[in-house]
Protein backbone atom coordinates (compact mmCIF):
# COMPACT_ATOMS: atom_id res chain seq x y z
CA MET A 1 108.36 105.65 92.47
CA THR A 2 107.79 104.85 88.81
CA GLU A 3 106.60 107.15 86.08
CA ALA A 4 102.89 107.75 85.67
CA TRP A 5 100.91 105.73 83.13
CA SER A 6 97.34 105.90 81.89
CA ILE A 7 94.62 103.42 80.98
CA THR A 8 91.05 103.62 79.73
CA LEU A 9 88.39 101.80 81.75
CA GLU A 10 85.63 100.13 79.75
CA PRO A 11 82.12 101.43 80.55
CA ASP A 12 80.86 98.23 82.20
CA ALA A 13 84.14 97.05 83.69
CA GLY A 14 84.25 95.53 87.13
CA TRP A 15 87.18 95.94 89.50
CA ARG A 16 90.50 96.05 87.65
CA HIS A 17 93.76 95.26 89.43
CA VAL A 18 96.07 98.08 88.35
CA GLY A 19 99.10 96.85 90.21
CA SER A 20 100.83 95.91 93.39
CA THR A 21 104.10 96.55 95.07
CA PRO A 22 106.87 94.06 95.75
CA GLU A 23 107.44 95.85 99.05
CA ARG A 24 106.33 94.22 102.28
CA THR A 25 105.09 97.50 103.68
CA PRO A 26 102.28 99.56 102.10
CA VAL A 27 103.13 102.20 99.50
CA GLU A 28 101.28 105.31 98.38
CA VAL A 29 99.66 105.35 94.93
CA ILE A 30 97.84 108.22 93.23
CA VAL A 31 94.97 107.82 90.76
CA ARG A 32 93.71 110.83 88.78
CA ALA A 33 90.45 110.69 86.79
CA PHE A 34 89.89 112.52 83.50
CA ASP A 35 86.58 111.75 81.75
CA ALA A 36 84.32 110.29 84.44
CA PRO A 37 84.36 109.44 88.14
CA VAL A 38 86.08 106.21 89.16
CA ARG A 39 86.29 104.14 92.34
CA PHE A 40 89.78 103.45 93.73
CA ALA A 41 90.44 100.82 96.42
CA THR A 42 93.17 98.75 98.04
CA GLY A 43 93.34 95.06 98.85
CA SER A 44 95.44 92.61 100.81
CA THR A 45 95.66 90.29 97.77
CA ALA A 46 95.51 90.76 94.00
CA SER A 47 92.10 89.08 93.70
CA VAL A 48 89.55 91.60 95.04
CA PRO A 49 89.61 94.91 96.89
CA ASP A 50 88.91 94.69 100.59
CA GLY A 51 89.44 98.31 101.51
CA GLU A 52 86.81 101.00 101.36
CA ALA A 53 86.74 102.58 97.90
CA ALA A 54 87.41 106.26 97.34
CA THR A 55 85.62 108.18 94.59
CA VAL A 56 87.85 110.12 92.21
CA VAL A 57 86.10 112.83 90.18
CA PRO A 58 87.39 114.16 86.84
CA GLY A 59 90.21 116.65 87.24
CA GLU A 60 91.11 115.43 90.72
CA GLY A 61 93.29 112.72 92.19
CA VAL A 62 93.23 110.55 95.29
CA ARG A 63 96.11 108.97 97.24
CA LEU A 64 95.72 105.56 98.86
CA THR A 65 98.22 103.51 100.80
CA GLY A 66 98.31 99.74 100.42
CA LEU A 67 99.83 96.70 98.73
CA HIS A 68 97.37 95.99 95.87
CA PHE A 69 95.36 98.64 93.99
CA PHE A 70 92.07 98.45 92.07
CA VAL A 71 89.90 100.79 90.00
CA ARG A 72 86.46 100.62 88.39
CA PRO A 73 84.02 103.09 86.82
CA ALA A 74 81.94 104.82 89.49
CA THR A 75 78.91 105.12 87.19
CA PRO A 76 77.59 102.00 85.42
CA GLY A 77 77.87 102.34 81.64
CA VAL A 78 80.38 105.21 81.77
CA GLY A 79 84.07 104.50 81.17
CA GLY A 80 86.94 106.91 81.44
CA ARG A 81 90.67 107.51 81.41
CA ILE A 82 92.80 107.45 84.54
CA LEU A 83 96.41 108.18 85.38
CA VAL A 84 98.22 105.95 87.90
CA ARG A 85 101.40 107.02 89.68
CA GLY A 86 103.43 105.17 92.30
CA LEU A 87 103.52 101.58 91.04
């Protein structure tokens, strides 16, 4: 597992690919939200999420297992910082 890193999502951003694993089997990744709720999803490719998205509220984190990972603001017009761990 790598160190955690953070990014800021733009208020009107669509899905952002935050990373993938070189492994052939799914890995666990944690996303923690700070300023605003975000949506966190997995995908089978790096192009678009195909898994059901989880909502991450500020101050909490969510673990998902997959190969490719995506985030986006949960509320249109509201960006926020997130922390990603596991990629």
